[in-house]
Amino acid sequence: MEVEIVTNEKNLMEIKVDNLVVAEILRVYLNKAGVEFAAWRKEHPTKPLIFRIEVKNGTVKKAVSDVISDIKKDLSKINALVKK
């Protein structure tokens, strides 16, 4: 999976992502976590999507890091259930 940071500020980040599934999972978890704005757009089917994240408090990097930890925990729970 390729990721390229387009804009990187304290409260705003735009990232080019080539994986729609990852972007959608991040979007859902970020919105649940209460970030100001998390959405993606795709200008053309042949181009990567642009994922935009805005936060009011803290930094985008911290919000994404926290959400990735939450995703890992949920995946571990699912993995444990599947192994039963």
N, C-alpha and C. Protein backbone atom coordinates (compact mmCIF):
# COMPACT_ATOMS: atom_id res chain seq x y z
N MET A 1 0.84 -1.17 0.00
CA MET A 1 0.00 0.00 0.00
C MET A 1 0.89 1.24 0.00
N GLU A 2 0.58 2.16 -0.88
CA GLU A 2 1.34 3.40 -0.96
C GLU A 2 0.59 4.53 -0.27
N VAL A 3 1.32 5.32 0.52
CA VAL A 3 0.76 6.47 1.20
C VAL A 3 1.71 7.64 0.98
N GLU A 4 1.14 8.78 0.62
CA GLU A 4 1.94 9.98 0.41
C GLU A 4 1.26 11.14 1.12
N ILE A 5 2.00 11.83 1.98
CA ILE A 5 1.44 12.99 2.68
C ILE A 5 1.50 14.18 1.74
N VAL A 6 0.32 14.78 1.50
CA VAL A 6 0.21 15.93 0.61
C VAL A 6 0.31 17.22 1.42
N THR A 7 -0.45 17.30 2.51
CA THR A 7 -0.46 18.46 3.40
C THR A 7 -0.26 17.96 4.81
N ASN A 8 0.65 18.60 5.55
CA ASN A 8 0.92 18.17 6.92
C ASN A 8 1.04 19.40 7.81
N GLU A 9 -0.05 19.70 8.51
CA GLU A 9 -0.06 20.79 9.47
C GLU A 9 -0.51 20.21 10.80
N LYS A 10 -0.48 21.03 11.86
CA LYS A 10 -0.84 20.53 13.18
C LYS A 10 -2.28 20.01 13.21
N ASN A 11 -3.22 20.77 12.65
CA ASN A 11 -4.64 20.42 12.75
C ASN A 11 -5.21 19.87 11.45
N LEU A 12 -4.40 19.72 10.42
CA LEU A 12 -4.90 19.29 9.11
C LEU A 12 -3.86 18.41 8.42
N MET A 13 -4.35 17.32 7.83
CA MET A 13 -3.47 16.47 7.04
C MET A 13 -4.25 15.93 5.85
N GLU A 14 -3.62 15.95 4.69
CA GLU A 14 -4.17 15.32 3.50
C GLU A 14 -3.18 14.27 3.04
N ILE A 15 -3.70 13.07 2.76
CA ILE A 15 -2.86 11.93 2.42
C ILE A 15 -3.39 11.29 1.15
N LYS A 16 -2.50 10.94 0.23
CA LYS A 16 -2.87 10.13 -0.93
C LYS A 16 -2.75 8.67 -0.52
N VAL A 17 -3.83 7.93 -0.73
CA VAL A 17 -3.87 6.52 -0.34
C VAL A 17 -4.39 5.72 -1.53
N ASP A 18 -3.80 4.56 -1.79
CA ASP A 18 -4.25 3.75 -2.92
C ASP A 18 -5.16 2.59 -2.51
N ASN A 19 -5.56 2.55 -1.22
CA ASN A 19 -6.38 1.45 -0.73
C ASN A 19 -7.67 2.00 -0.14
N LEU A 20 -8.77 1.80 -0.84
CA LEU A 20 -10.07 2.31 -0.42
C LEU A 20 -10.54 1.70 0.89
N VAL A 21 -10.30 0.42 1.10
CA VAL A 21 -10.74 -0.27 2.32
C VAL A 21 -10.08 0.35 3.55
N VAL A 22 -8.79 0.55 3.49
CA VAL A 22 -8.06 1.15 4.61
C VAL A 22 -8.58 2.57 4.88
N ALA A 23 -8.77 3.34 3.84
CA ALA A 23 -9.27 4.70 3.99
C ALA A 23 -10.65 4.72 4.64
N GLU A 24 -11.51 3.82 4.23
CA GLU A 24 -12.87 3.79 4.77
C GLU A 24 -12.88 3.36 6.24
N ILE A 25 -12.06 2.38 6.60
CA ILE A 25 -11.97 1.97 8.00
C ILE A 25 -11.44 3.12 8.85
N LEU A 26 -10.40 3.79 8.39
CA LEU A 26 -9.87 4.95 9.11
C LEU A 26 -10.92 6.04 9.25
N ARG A 27 -11.67 6.30 8.20
CA ARG A 27 -12.69 7.34 8.23
C ARG A 27 -13.73 7.04 9.31
N VAL A 28 -14.20 5.81 9.34
CA VAL A 28 -15.23 5.42 10.32
C VAL A 28 -14.69 5.56 11.75
N TYR A 29 -13.51 5.03 12.01
CA TYR A 29 -12.95 5.10 13.35
C TYR A 29 -12.62 6.54 13.76
N LEU A 30 -12.10 7.34 12.85
CA LEU A 30 -11.78 8.73 13.18
C LEU A 30 -13.04 9.52 13.50
N ASN A 31 -14.11 9.29 12.75
CA ASN A 31 -15.35 10.00 13.03
C ASN A 31 -15.95 9.55 14.36
N LYS A 32 -15.83 8.26 14.69
CA LYS A 32 -16.28 7.77 16.00
C LYS A 32 -15.48 8.41 17.13
N ALA A 33 -14.19 8.66 16.88
CA ALA A 33 -13.31 9.22 17.90
C ALA A 33 -13.55 10.72 18.10
N GLY A 34 -14.34 11.32 17.24
CA GLY A 34 -14.71 12.72 17.43
C GLY A 34 -13.78 13.74 16.79
N VAL A 35 -13.08 13.36 15.74
CA VAL A 35 -12.28 14.37 15.05
C VAL A 35 -13.21 15.37 14.38
N GLU A 36 -12.69 16.53 14.07
CA GLU A 36 -13.48 17.58 13.45
C GLU A 36 -14.00 17.17 12.07
N PHE A 37 -13.11 16.54 11.26
CA PHE A 37 -13.49 16.16 9.90
C PHE A 37 -12.58 15.03 9.44
N ALA A 38 -13.17 14.00 8.87
CA ALA A 38 -12.41 12.89 8.28
C ALA A 38 -13.21 12.37 7.09
N ALA A 39 -12.66 12.52 5.91
CA ALA A 39 -13.34 12.06 4.70
C ALA A 39 -12.31 11.85 3.59
N TRP A 40 -12.72 11.10 2.59
CA TRP A 40 -11.85 10.89 1.43
C TRP A 40 -12.62 11.23 0.17
N ARG A 41 -11.87 11.54 -0.88
CA ARG A 41 -12.47 11.79 -2.19
C ARG A 41 -11.58 11.16 -3.25
N LYS A 42 -12.20 10.80 -4.34
CA LYS A 42 -11.45 10.20 -5.45
C LYS A 42 -11.83 10.97 -6.70
N GLU A 43 -10.88 11.68 -7.27
CA GLU A 43 -11.15 12.52 -8.43
C GLU A 43 -11.39 11.71 -9.69
N HIS A 44 -10.70 10.58 -9.81
CA HIS A 44 -10.81 9.76 -11.01
C HIS A 44 -10.44 8.33 -10.65
N PRO A 45 -11.08 7.34 -11.25
CA PRO A 45 -10.77 5.94 -10.90
C PRO A 45 -9.30 5.54 -11.06
N THR A 46 -8.58 6.22 -11.92
CA THR A 46 -7.18 5.86 -12.13
C THR A 46 -6.23 6.55 -11.16
N LYS A 47 -6.74 7.47 -10.34
CA LYS A 47 -5.89 8.23 -9.41
C LYS A 47 -6.13 7.75 -7.97
N PRO A 48 -5.12 7.90 -7.12
CA PRO A 48 -5.32 7.53 -5.72
C PRO A 48 -6.31 8.48 -5.05
N LEU A 49 -6.91 8.02 -3.97
CA LEU A 49 -7.85 8.89 -3.29
C LEU A 49 -7.10 9.82 -2.34
N ILE A 50 -7.73 10.95 -2.03
CA ILE A 50 -7.18 11.93 -1.11
C ILE A 50 -7.98 11.83 0.19
N PHE A 51 -7.30 11.58 1.28
CA PHE A 51 -7.93 11.44 2.58
C PHE A 51 -7.60 12.70 3.38
N ARG A 52 -8.64 13.41 3.86
CA ARG A 52 -8.44 14.65 4.59
C ARG A 52 -8.90 14.46 6.04
N ILE A 53 -8.04 14.86 6.97
CA ILE A 53 -8.33 14.75 8.39
C ILE A 53 -8.07 16.10 9.04
N GLU A 54 -9.06 16.57 9.80
CA GLU A 54 -8.92 17.82 10.55
C GLU A 54 -9.29 17.55 12.00
N VAL A 55 -8.52 18.13 12.92
CA VAL A 55 -8.82 17.99 14.35
C VAL A 55 -8.90 19.38 14.97
N LYS A 56 -9.68 19.47 16.04
CA LYS A 56 -9.79 20.73 16.78
C LYS A 56 -8.75 20.77 17.89
N ASN A 57 -8.66 19.67 18.62
CA ASN A 57 -7.73 19.57 19.76
C ASN A 57 -6.67 18.52 19.46
N GLY A 58 -5.45 18.80 19.87
CA GLY A 58 -4.37 17.84 19.63
C GLY A 58 -3.84 17.94 18.22
N THR A 59 -3.23 16.84 17.77
CA THR A 59 -2.67 16.80 16.42
C THR A 59 -3.31 15.66 15.63
N VAL A 60 -3.21 15.77 14.33
CA VAL A 60 -3.73 14.71 13.45
C VAL A 60 -2.95 13.42 13.67
N LYS A 61 -1.65 13.52 13.81
CA LYS A 61 -0.82 12.32 14.01
C LYS A 61 -1.25 11.57 15.26
N LYS A 62 -1.55 12.28 16.34
CA LYS A 62 -2.00 11.63 17.58
C LYS A 62 -3.36 10.97 17.38
N ALA A 63 -4.27 11.66 16.70
CA ALA A 63 -5.60 11.10 16.45
C ALA A 63 -5.51 9.83 15.62
N VAL A 64 -4.69 9.84 14.57
CA VAL A 64 -4.53 8.67 13.71
C VAL A 64 -3.86 7.54 14.48
N SER A 65 -2.86 7.85 15.27
CA SER A 65 -2.17 6.84 16.06
C SER A 65 -3.13 6.17 17.05
N ASP A 66 -3.95 6.96 17.72
CA ASP A 66 -4.92 6.40 18.67
C ASP A 66 -5.93 5.50 17.97
N VAL A 67 -6.38 5.93 16.81
CA VAL A 67 -7.37 5.15 16.06
C VAL A 67 -6.76 3.85 15.55
N ILE A 68 -5.53 3.88 15.11
CA ILE A 68 -4.87 2.66 14.65
C ILE A 68 -4.75 1.66 15.80
N SER A 69 -4.47 2.16 17.00
CA SER A 69 -4.43 1.27 18.17
C SER A 69 -5.79 0.64 18.42
N ASP A 70 -6.86 1.43 18.29
CA ASP A 70 -8.22 0.91 18.46
C ASP A 70 -8.54 -0.15 17.41
N ILE A 71 -8.13 0.09 16.18
CA ILE A 71 -8.38 -0.87 15.10
C ILE A 71 -7.65 -2.18 15.39
N LYS A 72 -6.40 -2.09 15.83
CA LYS A 72 -5.63 -3.29 16.17
C LYS A 72 -6.30 -4.09 17.28
N LYS A 73 -6.81 -3.40 18.30
CA LYS A 73 -7.50 -4.09 19.40
C LYS A 73 -8.74 -4.82 18.87
N ASP A 74 -9.52 -4.14 18.04
CA ASP A 74 -10.72 -4.76 17.49
C ASP A 74 -10.38 -5.96 16.60
N LEU A 75 -9.31 -5.84 15.82
CA LEU A 75 -8.89 -6.95 14.98
C LEU A 75 -8.42 -8.14 15.81
N SER A 76 -7.76 -7.87 16.93
CA SER A 76 -7.34 -8.95 17.82
C SER A 76 -8.54 -9.68 18.41
N LYS A 77 -9.57 -8.92 18.78
CA LYS A 77 -10.79 -9.53 19.30
C LYS A 77 -11.45 -10.42 18.23
N ILE A 78 -11.53 -9.91 17.02
CA ILE A 78 -12.12 -10.69 15.92
C ILE A 78 -11.30 -11.94 15.67
N ASN A 79 -9.99 -11.80 15.65
CA ASN A 79 -9.11 -12.94 15.44
C ASN A 79 -9.32 -14.01 16.52
N ALA A 80 -9.45 -13.58 17.78
CA ALA A 80 -9.67 -14.54 18.86
C ALA A 80 -11.00 -15.25 18.71
N LEU A 81 -12.02 -14.55 18.27
CA LEU A 81 -13.32 -15.18 18.07
C LEU A 81 -13.30 -16.18 16.92
N VAL A 82 -12.57 -15.87 15.88
CA VAL A 82 -12.49 -16.76 14.73
C VAL A 82 -11.73 -18.03 15.07
N LYS A 83 -10.74 -17.93 15.93
CA LYS A 83 -9.93 -19.10 16.29
C LYS A 83 -10.69 -20.08 17.16
N LYS A 84 -11.77 -19.64 17.81
CA LYS A 84 -12.55 -20.54 18.69
C LYS A 84 -13.22 -21.63 17.92
